[in-house]
C-alpha atoms as a PDB file:
ATOM      1  CA  UNK A   1     -35.198 -16.734  -9.681  1.00  0.00           C
ATOM      2  CA  UNK A   2     -31.912 -15.549  -8.161  1.00  0.00           C
ATOM      3  CA  UNK A   3     -33.710 -13.228  -5.739  1.00  0.00           C
ATOM      4  CA  UNK A   4     -36.159 -15.926  -4.615  1.00  0.00           C
ATOM      5  CA  UNK A   5     -33.351 -18.467  -4.152  1.00  0.00           C
ATOM      6  CA  UNK A   6     -31.305 -16.082  -2.010  1.00  0.00           C
ATOM      7  CA  UNK A   7     -34.229 -15.023   0.131  1.00  0.00           C
ATOM      8  CA  UNK A   8     -35.417 -18.580   0.608  1.00  0.00           C
ATOM      9  CA  UNK A   9     -32.112 -19.477   2.299  1.00  0.00           C
ATOM     10  CA  UNK A  10     -33.359 -17.580   5.338  1.00  0.00           C
ATOM     11  CA  UNK A  11     -35.820 -19.227   7.716  1.00  0.00           C
ATOM     12  CA  UNK A  12     -38.423 -16.535   6.976  1.00  0.00           C
ATOM     13  CA  UNK A  13     -40.590 -17.030   3.914  1.00  0.00           C
ATOM     14  CA  UNK A  14     -39.697 -14.361   1.324  1.00  0.00           C
ATOM     15  CA  UNK A  15     -42.459 -12.001   0.270  1.00  0.00           C
ATOM     16  CA  UNK A  16     -43.138 -10.909  -3.300  1.00  0.00           C
ATOM     17  CA  UNK A  17     -42.125  -7.361  -2.301  1.00  0.00           C
ATOM     18  CA  UNK A  18     -38.704  -8.556  -1.093  1.00  0.00           C
ATOM     19  CA  UNK A  19     -38.166 -10.466  -4.307  1.00  0.00           C
ATOM     20  CA  UNK A  20     -39.133  -7.459  -6.427  1.00  0.00           C
ATOM     21  CA  UNK A  21     -37.028  -5.029  -4.358  1.00  0.00           C
ATOM     22  CA  UNK A  22     -33.933  -7.172  -4.756  1.00  0.00           C
ATOM     23  CA  UNK A  23     -34.485  -7.935  -8.417  1.00  0.00           C
ATOM     24  CA  UNK A  24     -35.327  -4.362  -9.482  1.00  0.00           C
ATOM     25  CA  UNK A  25     -33.537  -1.864  -7.291  1.00  0.00           C
ATOM     26  CA  UNK A  26     -34.261   1.764  -8.169  1.00  0.00           C
ATOM     27  CA  UNK A  27     -31.229   4.015  -8.030  1.00  0.00           C
ATOM     28  CA  UNK A  28     -33.252   6.963  -6.748  1.00  0.00           C
ATOM     29  CA  UNK A  29     -34.991   5.006  -4.012  1.00  0.00           C
ATOM     30  CA  UNK A  30     -33.826   5.293  -0.398  1.00  0.00           C
ATOM     31  CA  UNK A  31     -32.570   1.816   0.357  1.00  0.00           C
ATOM     32  CA  UNK A  32     -30.964   0.092   3.305  1.00  0.00           C
ATOM     33  CA  UNK A  33     -29.716  -2.666   1.065  1.00  0.00           C
ATOM     34  CA  UNK A  34     -25.996  -3.384   0.811  1.00  0.00           C
ATOM     35  CA  UNK A  35     -25.320  -1.305  -2.281  1.00  0.00           C
ATOM     36  CA  UNK A  36     -27.727   1.453  -1.256  1.00  0.00           C
ATOM     37  CA  UNK A  37     -25.748   2.004   1.956  1.00  0.00           C
ATOM     38  CA  UNK A  38     -22.383   1.374   0.284  1.00  0.00           C
ATOM     39  CA  UNK A  39     -23.101   3.960  -2.451  1.00  0.00           C
ATOM     40  CA  UNK A  40     -24.189   6.556   0.115  1.00  0.00           C
ATOM     41  CA  UNK A  41     -21.000   6.010   2.103  1.00  0.00           C
ATOM     42  CA  UNK A  42     -18.774   6.442  -0.971  1.00  0.00           C
ATOM     43  CA  UNK A  43     -20.662   9.571  -2.029  1.00  0.00           C
ATOM     44  CA  UNK A  44     -20.122  11.105   1.404  1.00  0.00           C
ATOM     45  CA  UNK A  45     -16.431  10.151   1.327  1.00  0.00           C
ATOM     46  CA  UNK A  46     -16.015  11.803  -2.083  1.00  0.00           C
ATOM     47  CA  UNK A  47     -17.471  15.048  -0.723  1.00  0.00           C
ATOM     48  CA  UNK A  48     -15.462  15.069   2.498  1.00  0.00           C
ATOM     49  CA  UNK A  49     -12.135  13.549   1.472  1.00  0.00           C
ATOM     50  CA  UNK A  50      -9.868  16.040  -0.235  1.00  0.00           C
ATOM     51  CA  UNK A  51      -6.412  14.804   0.763  1.00  0.00           C
ATOM     52  CA  UNK A  52      -4.669  12.381  -1.594  1.00  0.00           C
ATOM     53  CA  UNK A  53      -4.482   9.578   0.980  1.00  0.00           C
ATOM     54  CA  UNK A  54      -8.188  10.063   1.723  1.00  0.00           C
ATOM     55  CA  UNK A  55      -8.984   9.902  -1.984  1.00  0.00           C
ATOM     56  CA  UNK A  56      -7.020   6.671  -2.170  1.00  0.00           C
ATOM     57  CA  UNK A  57      -9.177   5.273   0.631  1.00  0.00           C
ATOM     58  CA  UNK A  58     -12.321   6.262  -1.273  1.00  0.00           C
ATOM     59  CA  UNK A  59     -11.013   4.451  -4.338  1.00  0.00           C
ATOM     60  CA  UNK A  60     -10.451   1.293  -2.265  1.00  0.00           C
ATOM     61  CA  UNK A  61     -14.068   1.438  -1.060  1.00  0.00           C
ATOM     62  CA  UNK A  62     -15.275   1.838  -4.650  1.00  0.00           C
ATOM     63  CA  UNK A  63     -13.155  -1.152  -5.708  1.00  0.00           C
ATOM     64  CA  UNK A  64     -14.659  -3.272  -2.923  1.00  0.00           C
ATOM     65  CA  UNK A  65     -18.205  -2.339  -3.968  1.00  0.00           C
ATOM     66  CA  UNK A  66     -17.410  -3.083  -7.619  1.00  0.00           C
ATOM     67  CA  UNK A  67     -16.193  -6.577  -6.703  1.00  0.00           C
ATOM     68  CA  UNK A  68     -19.230  -7.144  -4.493  1.00  0.00           C
ATOM     69  CA  UNK A  69     -21.609  -6.119  -7.278  1.00  0.00           C
ATOM     70  CA  UNK A  70     -19.918  -8.444  -9.743  1.00  0.00           C
ATOM     71  CA  UNK A  71     -20.020 -11.285  -7.204  1.00  0.00           C
ATOM     72  CA  UNK A  72     -23.708 -10.806  -6.390  1.00  0.00           C
ATOM     73  CA  UNK A  73     -24.598 -10.589 -10.073  1.00  0.00           C
ATOM     74  CA  UNK A  74     -22.530 -13.614 -11.100  1.00  0.00           C
ATOM     75  CA  UNK A  75     -23.446 -15.929  -8.225  1.00  0.00           C
ATOM     76  CA  UNK A  76     -26.985 -14.851  -7.338  1.00  0.00           C
ATOM     77  CA  UNK A  77     -28.169 -13.102 -10.501  1.00  0.00           C
ATOM     78  CA  UNK A  78     -29.534 -10.123  -8.561  1.00  0.00           C
ATOM     79  CA  UNK A  79     -28.564  -6.458  -8.513  1.00  0.00           C
ATOM     80  CA  UNK A  80     -28.664  -5.867  -4.754  1.00  0.00           C
ATOM     81  CA  UNK A  81     -29.085  -7.705  -1.464  1.00  0.00           C
ATOM     82  CA  UNK A  82     -30.557  -6.820   1.919  1.00  0.00           C
ATOM     83  CA  UNK A  83     -28.255  -6.986   4.923  1.00  0.00           C
ATOM     84  CA  UNK A  84     -30.556  -9.418   6.687  1.00  0.00           C
ATOM     85  CA  UNK A  85     -30.072 -11.936   3.876  1.00  0.00           C
ATOM     86  CA  UNK A  86     -26.262 -11.943   4.043  1.00  0.00           C
ATOM     87  CA  UNK A  87     -24.958 -15.017   5.837  1.00  0.00           C
ATOM     88  CA  UNK A  88     -21.552 -16.475   6.689  1.00  0.00           C
ATOM     89  CA  UNK A  89     -21.558 -18.558   3.528  1.00  0.00           C
ATOM     90  CA  UNK A  90     -21.929 -15.353   1.483  1.00  0.00           C
ATOM     91  CA  UNK A  91     -18.811 -13.881   3.114  1.00  0.00           C
ATOM     92  CA  UNK A  92     -16.730 -17.035   2.713  1.00  0.00           C
ATOM     93  CA  UNK A  93     -17.722 -17.401  -0.946  1.00  0.00           C
ATOM     94  CA  UNK A  94     -16.943 -13.731  -1.594  1.00  0.00           C
ATOM     95  CA  UNK A  95     -13.506 -14.225  -0.027  1.00  0.00           C
ATOM     96  CA  UNK A  96     -12.851 -17.157  -2.350  1.00  0.00           C
ATOM     97  CA  UNK A  97     -14.143 -15.106  -5.313  1.00  0.00           C
ATOM     98  CA  UNK A  98     -11.663 -12.306  -4.523  1.00  0.00           C
ATOM     99  CA  UNK A  99      -8.753 -14.742  -4.352  1.00  0.00           C
ATOM    100  CA  UNK A 100      -9.620 -16.794  -7.422  1.00  0.00           C
ATOM    101  CA  UNK A 101     -11.665 -14.963 -10.028  1.00  0.00           C
ATOM    102  CA  UNK A 102     -10.311 -11.508  -9.097  1.00  0.00           C
ATOM    103  CA  UNK A 103      -6.721 -12.688  -8.592  1.00  0.00           C
ATOM    104  CA  UNK A 104      -6.153 -10.900  -5.283  1.00  0.00           C
ATOM    105  CA  UNK A 105      -3.494 -12.045  -2.843  1.00  0.00           C
ATOM    106  CA  UNK A 106      -4.337 -12.929   0.750  1.00  0.00           C
ATOM    107  CA  UNK A 107      -3.588  -9.516   2.275  1.00  0.00           C
ATOM    108  CA  UNK A 108      -5.379  -7.610  -0.511  1.00  0.00           C
ATOM    109  CA  UNK A 109      -8.409  -9.838   0.021  1.00  0.00           C
ATOM    110  CA  UNK A 110      -8.343  -9.163   3.769  1.00  0.00           C
ATOM    111  CA  UNK A 111      -8.260  -5.405   3.162  1.00  0.00           C
ATOM    112  CA  UNK A 112     -11.309  -5.621   0.893  1.00  0.00           C
ATOM    113  CA  UNK A 113     -13.154  -7.782   3.416  1.00  0.00           C
ATOM    114  CA  UNK A 114     -12.281  -5.252   6.108  1.00  0.00           C
ATOM    115  CA  UNK A 115     -14.036  -2.554   4.072  1.00  0.00           C
ATOM    116  CA  UNK A 116     -17.046  -4.859   3.547  1.00  0.00           C
ATOM    117  CA  UNK A 117     -17.125  -5.515   7.295  1.00  0.00           C
ATOM    118  CA  UNK A 118     -17.056  -1.776   7.990  1.00  0.00           C
ATOM    119  CA  UNK A 119     -20.102  -1.214   5.775  1.00  0.00           C
ATOM    120  CA  UNK A 120     -21.876  -4.223   7.257  1.00  0.00           C
ATOM    121  CA  UNK A 121     -21.165  -2.880  10.752  1.00  0.00           C
ATOM    122  CA  UNK A 122     -23.236   0.199   9.916  1.00  0.00           C
ATOM    123  CA  UNK A 123     -26.188  -2.084   9.273  1.00  0.00           C
ATOM    124  CA  UNK A 124     -25.661  -3.856  12.600  1.00  0.00           C
ATOM    125  CA  UNK A 125     -25.360  -0.574  14.523  1.00  0.00           C
ATOM    126  CA  UNK A 126     -28.511   0.815  12.880  1.00  0.00           C
ATOM    127  CA  UNK A 127     -30.408  -2.476  13.337  1.00  0.00           C
ATOM    128  CA  UNK A 128     -30.978  -2.928   9.621  1.00  0.00           C
ATOM    129  CA  UNK A 129     -30.080  -6.550  10.243  1.00  0.00           C
ATOM    130  CA  UNK A 130     -30.898  -8.778  13.197  1.00  0.00           C
ATOM    131  CA  UNK A 131     -27.581 -10.599  13.289  1.00  0.00           C
ATOM    132  CA  UNK A 132     -23.854 -10.019  12.767  1.00  0.00           C
ATOM    133  CA  UNK A 133     -22.480 -12.612  10.374  1.00  0.00           C
ATOM    134  CA  UNK A 134     -18.944 -11.229  10.737  1.00  0.00           C
ATOM    135  CA  UNK A 135     -18.916 -12.277  14.404  1.00  0.00           C
ATOM    136  CA  UNK A 136     -16.192 -14.887  14.774  1.00  0.00           C
ATOM    137  CA  UNK A 137     -14.783 -14.181  11.304  1.00  0.00           C
ATOM    138  CA  UNK A 138     -11.078 -13.438  11.744  1.00  0.00           C
ATOM    139  CA  UNK A 139      -9.408 -11.231   9.165  1.00  0.00           C
ATOM    140  CA  UNK A 140      -5.725 -12.048   9.476  1.00  0.00           C
ATOM    141  CA  UNK A 141      -2.769 -10.692   7.550  1.00  0.00           C
ATOM    142  CA  UNK A 142       0.381 -12.524   6.527  1.00  0.00           C
ATOM    143  CA  UNK A 143       3.823 -11.007   6.950  1.00  0.00           C
ATOM    144  CA  UNK A 144       5.196 -10.245   3.500  1.00  0.00           C
ATOM    145  CA  UNK A 145       8.937 -10.352   2.923  1.00  0.00           C
ATOM    146  CA  UNK A 146      10.003  -7.715   0.414  1.00  0.00           C
ATOM    147  CA  UNK A 147      13.345  -8.390  -1.169  1.00  0.00           C
ATOM    148  CA  UNK A 148      16.273  -6.142  -0.316  1.00  0.00           C
ATOM    149  CA  UNK A 149      19.554  -5.667  -2.138  1.00  0.00           C
ATOM    150  CA  UNK A 150      22.937  -6.510  -0.671  1.00  0.00           C
ATOM    151  CA  UNK A 151      25.907  -4.121  -0.825  1.00  0.00           C
ATOM    152  CA  UNK A 152      27.314  -6.143  -3.740  1.00  0.00           C
ATOM    153  CA  UNK A 153      24.030  -5.953  -5.655  1.00  0.00           C
ATOM    154  CA  UNK A 154      23.767  -2.199  -5.094  1.00  0.00           C
ATOM    155  CA  UNK A 155      27.288  -1.825  -6.437  1.00  0.00           C
ATOM    156  CA  UNK A 156      26.411  -3.949  -9.481  1.00  0.00           C
ATOM    157  CA  UNK A 157      23.364  -1.740 -10.068  1.00  0.00           C
ATOM    158  CA  UNK A 158      25.560   1.354 -10.025  1.00  0.00           C
ATOM    159  CA  UNK A 159      28.183  -0.074 -12.365  1.00  0.00           C
ATOM    160  CA  UNK A 160      26.106  -1.797 -15.053  1.00  0.00           C
ATOM    161  CA  UNK A 161      26.437  -0.230 -18.497  1.00  0.00           C
ATOM    162  CA  UNK A 162      22.943   0.487 -19.842  1.00  0.00           C
ATOM    163  CA  UNK A 163      22.264   1.297 -23.493  1.00  0.00           C
ATOM    164  CA  UNK A 164      18.563   2.074 -23.097  1.00  0.00           C
ATOM    165  CA  UNK A 165      17.811   5.564 -21.680  1.00  0.00           C
ATOM    166  CA  UNK A 166      14.585   4.462 -19.958  1.00  0.00           C
ATOM    167  CA  UNK A 167      16.474   1.769 -18.048  1.00  0.00           C
ATOM    168  CA  UNK A 168      19.150   4.233 -16.992  1.00  0.00           C
ATOM    169  CA  UNK A 169      16.438   6.592 -15.768  1.00  0.00           C
ATOM    170  CA  UNK A 170      14.850   3.718 -13.837  1.00  0.00           C
ATOM    171  CA  UNK A 171      18.223   2.786 -12.336  1.00  0.00           C
ATOM    172  CA  UNK A 172      18.801   6.377 -11.163  1.00  0.00           C
ATOM    173  CA  UNK A 173      15.359   6.690  -9.592  1.00  0.00           C
ATOM    174  CA  UNK A 174      15.720   3.356  -7.809  1.00  0.00           C
ATOM    175  CA  UNK A 175      19.172   4.301  -6.498  1.00  0.00           C
ATOM    176  CA  UNK A 176      17.655   7.533  -5.192  1.00  0.00           C
ATOM    177  CA  UNK A 177      15.059   5.481  -3.274  1.00  0.00           C
ATOM    178  CA  UNK A 178      17.823   3.220  -1.951  1.00  0.00           C
ATOM    179  CA  UNK A 179      19.837   6.179  -0.620  1.00  0.00           C
ATOM    180  CA  UNK A 180      16.886   8.103   0.844  1.00  0.00           C
ATOM    181  CA  UNK A 181      14.409   5.424   1.903  1.00  0.00           C
ATOM    182  CA  UNK A 182      11.658   7.290   0.047  1.00  0.00           C
ATOM    183  CA  UNK A 183       8.631   5.389  -1.179  1.00  0.00           C
ATOM    184  CA  UNK A 184       7.730   5.834  -4.853  1.00  0.00           C
ATOM    185  CA  UNK A 185       5.003   8.419  -4.245  1.00  0.00           C
ATOM    186  CA  UNK A 186       7.158  10.491  -1.852  1.00  0.00           C
ATOM    187  CA  UNK A 187      10.026  10.433  -4.348  1.00  0.00           C
ATOM    188  CA  UNK A 188       7.725  11.617  -7.152  1.00  0.00           C
ATOM    189  CA  UNK A 189       6.293  14.412  -4.962  1.00  0.00           C
ATOM    190  CA  UNK A 190       9.651  15.608  -3.626  1.00  0.00           C
ATOM    191  CA  UNK A 191       9.980  19.377  -4.129  1.00  0.00           C
ATOM    192  CA  UNK A 192      12.781  21.881  -3.589  1.00  0.00           C
ATOM    193  CA  UNK A 193      11.035  23.220  -0.466  1.00  0.00           C
ATOM    194  CA  UNK A 194      11.385  19.801   1.170  1.00  0.00           C
ATOM    195  CA  UNK A 195      15.185  20.090   1.282  1.00  0.00           C
ATOM    196  CA  UNK A 196      16.614  22.374   3.982  1.00  0.00           C
ATOM    197  CA  UNK A 197      20.162  23.405   4.772  1.00  0.00           C
ATOM    198  CA  UNK A 198      21.300  22.883   8.372  1.00  0.00           C
ATOM    199  CA  UNK A 199      24.001  25.422   9.349  1.00  0.00           C
ATOM    200  CA  UNK A 200      24.835  23.374  12.457  1.00  0.00           C
ATOM    201  CA  UNK A 201      25.858  20.274  10.501  1.00  0.00           C
ATOM    202  CA  UNK A 202      26.632  21.950   7.197  1.00  0.00           C
ATOM    203  CA  UNK A 203      24.382  19.403   5.490  1.00  0.00           C
ATOM    204  CA  UNK A 204      21.140  19.398   3.587  1.00  0.00           C
ATOM    205  CA  UNK A 205      18.277  17.425   5.087  1.00  0.00           C
ATOM    206  CA  UNK A 206      15.031  16.195   3.575  1.00  0.00           C
ATOM    207  CA  UNK A 207      12.025  17.125   5.711  1.00  0.00           C
ATOM    208  CA  UNK A 208       8.624  16.127   4.374  1.00  0.00           C
ATOM    209  CA  UNK A 209       5.310  14.566   5.380  1.00  0.00           C
ATOM    210  CA  UNK A 210       4.625  11.172   3.851  1.00  0.00           C
ATOM    211  CA  UNK A 211       1.962  11.248   1.148  1.00  0.00           C
ATOM    212  CA  UNK A 212       0.410   8.065   2.541  1.00  0.00           C
ATOM    213  CA  UNK A 213       0.177   8.876   6.250  1.00  0.00           C
ATOM    214  CA  UNK A 214       1.127  12.571   6.645  1.00  0.00           C
ATOM    215  CA  UNK A 215       3.730  11.543   9.240  1.00  0.00           C
ATOM    216  CA  UNK A 216       6.835  13.738   8.955  1.00  0.00           C
ATOM    217  CA  UNK A 217      10.175  12.161   8.153  1.00  0.00           C
ATOM    218  CA  UNK A 218      13.627  13.718   8.446  1.00  0.00           C
ATOM    219  CA  UNK A 219      16.808  12.358   6.879  1.00  0.00           C
ATOM    220  CA  UNK A 220      20.159  13.671   5.657  1.00  0.00           C
ATOM    221  CA  UNK A 221      20.570  14.189   1.923  1.00  0.00           C
ATOM    222  CA  UNK A 222      23.330  11.617   1.542  1.00  0.00           C
ATOM    223  CA  UNK A 223      25.978  12.186  -1.157  1.00  0.00           C
ATOM    224  CA  UNK A 224      24.748   9.506  -3.629  1.00  0.00           C
ATOM    225  CA  UNK A 225      21.263  11.042  -3.579  1.00  0.00           C
ATOM    226  CA  UNK A 226      22.648  14.570  -3.876  1.00  0.00           C
ATOM    227  CA  UNK A 227      24.759  13.506  -6.868  1.00  0.00           C
ATOM    228  CA  UNK A 228      21.601  12.265  -8.609  1.00  0.00           C
ATOM    229  CA  UNK A 229      19.864  15.590  -7.949  1.00  0.00           C
ATOM    230  CA  UNK A 230      22.839  17.329  -9.550  1.00  0.00           C
ATOM    231  CA  UNK A 231      22.372  15.156 -12.654  1.00  0.00           C
ATOM    232  CA  UNK A 232      18.617  15.755 -12.870  1.00  0.00           C
ATOM    233  CA  UNK A 233      18.702  19.480 -12.027  1.00  0.00           C
ATOM    234  CA  UNK A 234      22.231  20.956 -11.928  1.00  0.00           C
ATOM    235  CA  UNK A 235      20.934  24.159 -10.298  1.00  0.00           C
ATOM    236  CA  UNK A 236      18.347  22.536  -8.035  1.00  0.00           C
ATOM    237  CA  UNK A 237      19.441  24.594  -5.006  1.00  0.00           C
ATOM    238  CA  UNK A 238      18.370  27.793  -6.797  1.00  0.00           C
ATOM    239  CA  UNK A 239      15.097  26.292  -8.053  1.00  0.00           C
ATOM    240  CA  UNK A 240      11.672  27.570  -7.034  1.00  0.00           C
ATOM    241  CA  UNK A 241      10.153  26.030  -3.910  1.00  0.00           C
ATOM    242  CA  UNK A 242       7.491  24.085  -5.837  1.00  0.00           C
ATOM    243  CA  UNK A 243       9.948  22.532  -8.321  1.00  0.00           C
ATOM    244  CA  UNK A 244       9.645  18.743  -8.542  1.00  0.00           C
ATOM    245  CA  UNK A 245      13.104  17.216  -8.297  1.00  0.00           C
ATOM    246  CA  UNK A 246      12.752  13.638  -9.589  1.00  0.00           C
ATOM    247  CA  UNK A 247      12.054  12.721 -13.230  1.00  0.00           C
ATOM    248  CA  UNK A 248       8.435  11.665 -13.866  1.00  0.00           C
ATOM    249  CA  UNK A 249       7.491   7.994 -14.210  1.00  0.00           C
ATOM    250  CA  UNK A 250       4.335   6.015 -13.453  1.00  0.00           C
ATOM    251  CA  UNK A 251       4.532   3.369 -10.741  1.00  0.00           C
ATOM    252  CA  UNK A 252       3.398   0.730 -13.238  1.00  0.00           C
ATOM    253  CA  UNK A 253       6.209   1.528 -15.680  1.00  0.00           C
ATOM    254  CA  UNK A 254       8.709   1.896 -12.849  1.00  0.00           C
ATOM    255  CA  UNK A 255       8.017  -1.643 -11.616  1.00  0.00           C
ATOM    256  CA  UNK A 256       7.970  -3.065 -15.153  1.00  0.00           C
ATOM    257  CA  UNK A 257      11.322  -1.483 -16.013  1.00  0.00           C
ATOM    258  CA  UNK A 258      12.801  -2.675 -12.704  1.00  0.00           C
ATOM    259  CA  UNK A 259      12.023  -6.267 -13.704  1.00  0.00           C
ATOM    260  CA  UNK A 260      13.805  -5.737 -17.009  1.00  0.00           C
ATOM    261  CA  UNK A 261      16.734  -4.058 -15.282  1.00  0.00           C
ATOM    262  CA  UNK A 262      17.276  -6.809 -12.728  1.00  0.00           C
ATOM    263  CA  UNK A 263      16.936  -9.471 -15.398  1.00  0.00           C
ATOM    264  CA  UNK A 264      19.975  -7.864 -17.069  1.00  0.00           C
ATOM    265  CA  UNK A 265      21.776  -7.984 -13.719  1.00  0.00           C
ATOM    266  CA  UNK A 266      20.842 -11.680 -13.330  1.00  0.00           C
ATOM    267  CA  UNK A 267      19.528 -10.948  -9.839  1.00  0.00           C
ATOM    268  CA  UNK A 268      16.863 -13.513  -9.027  1.00  0.00           C
ATOM    269  CA  UNK A 269      14.800 -11.446  -6.610  1.00  0.00           C
ATOM    270  CA  UNK A 270      11.239 -10.151  -6.701  1.00  0.00           C
ATOM    271  CA  UNK A 271      12.068  -6.458  -6.858  1.00  0.00           C
ATOM    272  CA  UNK A 272       9.495  -3.664  -6.721  1.00  0.00           C
ATOM    273  CA  UNK A 273       9.719   0.097  -6.237  1.00  0.00           C
ATOM    274  CA  UNK A 274       9.319  -0.470  -2.483  1.00  0.00           C
ATOM    275  CA  UNK A 275      12.445  -2.657  -2.373  1.00  0.00           C
ATOM    276  CA  UNK A 276      14.581   0.485  -2.483  1.00  0.00           C
ATOM    277  CA  UNK A 277      12.999   1.693   0.754  1.00  0.00           C
ATOM    278  CA  UNK A 278      13.611  -1.661   2.423  1.00  0.00           C
ATOM    279  CA  UNK A 279      17.199  -1.763   1.159  1.00  0.00           C
ATOM    280  CA  UNK A 280      17.835   1.649   2.707  1.00  0.00           C
ATOM    281  CA  UNK A 281      16.418   0.535   6.063  1.00  0.00           C
ATOM    282  CA  UNK A 282      18.187  -2.801   6.165  1.00  0.00           C
ATOM    283  CA  UNK A 283      21.375  -2.834   4.075  1.00  0.00           C
ATOM    284  CA  UNK A 284      22.431   0.804   4.427  1.00  0.00           C
ATOM    285  CA  UNK A 285      21.082   1.860   7.818  1.00  0.00           C
ATOM    286  CA  UNK A 286      20.591  -1.023  10.267  1.00  0.00           C
ATOM    287  CA  UNK A 287      23.502  -3.108   9.017  1.00  0.00           C
ATOM    288  CA  UNK A 288      25.784  -0.107   9.486  1.00  0.00           C
ATOM    289  CA  UNK A 289      24.751   0.465  13.074  1.00  0.00           C
ATOM    290  CA  UNK A 290      22.176   3.265  12.731  1.00  0.00           C
ATOM    291  CA  UNK A 291      19.836   2.985  15.766  1.00  0.00           C
ATOM    292  CA  UNK A 292      16.351   1.737  14.950  1.00  0.00           C
ATOM    293  CA  UNK A 293      14.848   4.902  16.495  1.00  0.00           C
ATOM    294  CA  UNK A 294      16.672   7.020  13.909  1.00  0.00           C
ATOM    295  CA  UNK A 295      15.731   4.647  11.069  1.00  0.00           C
ATOM    296  CA  UNK A 296      12.101   4.889  12.169  1.00  0.00           C
ATOM    297  CA  UNK A 297      12.199   8.706  11.979  1.00  0.00           C
ATOM    298  CA  UNK A 298      13.937   8.671   8.598  1.00  0.00           C
ATOM    299  CA  UNK A 299      11.273   6.321   7.215  1.00  0.00           C
ATOM    300  CA  UNK A 300       8.413   8.359   8.657  1.00  0.00           C
ATOM    301  CA  UNK A 301       7.050   5.605  10.877  1.00  0.00           C
ATOM    302  CA  UNK A 302       4.812   6.652  13.756  1.00  0.00           C
ATOM    303  CA  UNK A 303       5.767   3.571  15.821  1.00  0.00           C
ATOM    304  CA  UNK A 304       9.009   1.645  16.287  1.00  0.00           C
ATOM    305  CA  UNK A 305       7.025  -1.576  15.795  1.00  0.00           C
ATOM    306  CA  UNK A 306       6.461  -0.572  12.169  1.00  0.00           C
ATOM    307  CA  UNK A 307      10.197  -0.345  11.618  1.00  0.00           C
ATOM    308  CA  UNK A 308      10.834  -3.652  13.378  1.00  0.00           C
ATOM    309  CA  UNK A 309       8.510  -5.407  10.940  1.00  0.00           C
ATOM    310  CA  UNK A 310       9.796  -3.388   8.016  1.00  0.00           C
ATOM    311  CA  UNK A 311      13.528  -3.975   8.344  1.00  0.00           C
ATOM    312  CA  UNK A 312      15.051  -7.415   8.265  1.00  0.00           C
ATOM    313  CA  UNK A 313      17.605  -8.378  10.887  1.00  0.00           C
ATOM    314  CA  UNK A 314      20.191  -9.918   8.619  1.00  0.00           C
ATOM    315  CA  UNK A 315      22.936 -12.431   9.296  1.00  0.00           C
ATOM    316  CA  UNK A 316      25.574  -9.732   8.827  1.00  0.00           C
ATOM    317  CA  UNK A 317      23.971  -7.534  11.491  1.00  0.00           C
ATOM    318  CA  UNK A 318      23.751 -10.430  13.969  1.00  0.00           C
ATOM    319  CA  UNK A 319      27.406 -11.349  13.358  1.00  0.00           C
ATOM    320  CA  UNK A 320      28.558  -7.755  13.833  1.00  0.00           C
ATOM    321  CA  UNK A 321      26.577  -7.170  17.028  1.00  0.00           C
ATOM    322  CA  UNK A 322      27.603 -10.482  18.637  1.00  0.00           C
ATOM    323  CA  UNK A 323      31.298 -10.326  17.710  1.00  0.00           C
ATOM    324  CA  UNK A 324      32.411  -9.270  21.198  1.00  0.00           C
ATOM    325  CA  UNK A 325      30.240 -11.965  22.768  1.00  0.00           C
ATOM    326  CA  UNK A 326      31.736 -14.529  20.371  1.00  0.00           C
ATOM    327  CA  UNK A 327      35.282 -13.590  21.472  1.00  0.00           C
ATOM    328  CA  UNK A 328      34.234 -13.585  25.138  1.00  0.00           C
ATOM    329  CA  UNK A 329      32.859 -17.119  24.920  1.00  0.00           C
ATOM    330  CA  UNK A 330      35.924 -18.642  23.251  1.00  0.00           C
END
């Protein structure tokens, strides 16, 4: 009944073959249905994608297909759907399904719809469907403000007396992110070979490609971060090139422990592992006069525009940079 109902929404009268094909899809059968094409695409990605960021992209595609399958089964009671039977209402209802029943935020929903659109575009390009229902459908993203710590809050984080070892470990890792601008995954993959000594400056620098984008970043190993390395591995400079420098922790536990840690500090901010990276860019770098071009390179951004969106222009920075103008206009 679900197959017949779906097919009957189109102006063409559904045939018995169409109803049977949608209701009883054979896994081995060559199919230009949504999940037939989607499955083939994921299989090809699994064979070709070997880099970690590529594997992450494959996982996102698999997640999108899983949500689509659940949606089609729950709302239409069928196991697959032909591209020619997908209409604008289908897309809008799937968007609502992602936001409500799946609990996705707006931007996460847009990313999943973008993957769906990509797969659907293959059907349009190959003329497996006579229309493009995504035409006119705008996939927009909202700017997300990630909380950053002030100088006073960073100091409080350093000075708090912690009795639980796992919270102290979390504190140290987060402070390392704050003083390097490293994202969680780059911090966890940091190896001895990524730290070089510069004879010209007499300093160590971190030089590494980001796990997410493979864009190289370069930044000095500032003293607070170096002090943490000395705690974790006292002889880290003599360690083998492949030695991992930061203590191991899962991202899930890291974020959970951060919530517990900041509850003890009575800091009412929505803190995540990425907040350390933002705090480095904003509170430590930009507010202290580091040019945005240098901040962009230290963060591993390929475009300045990424850094402009990433780092907040705070009241303190505005006051500092307009101080001379303020005196001039007295």
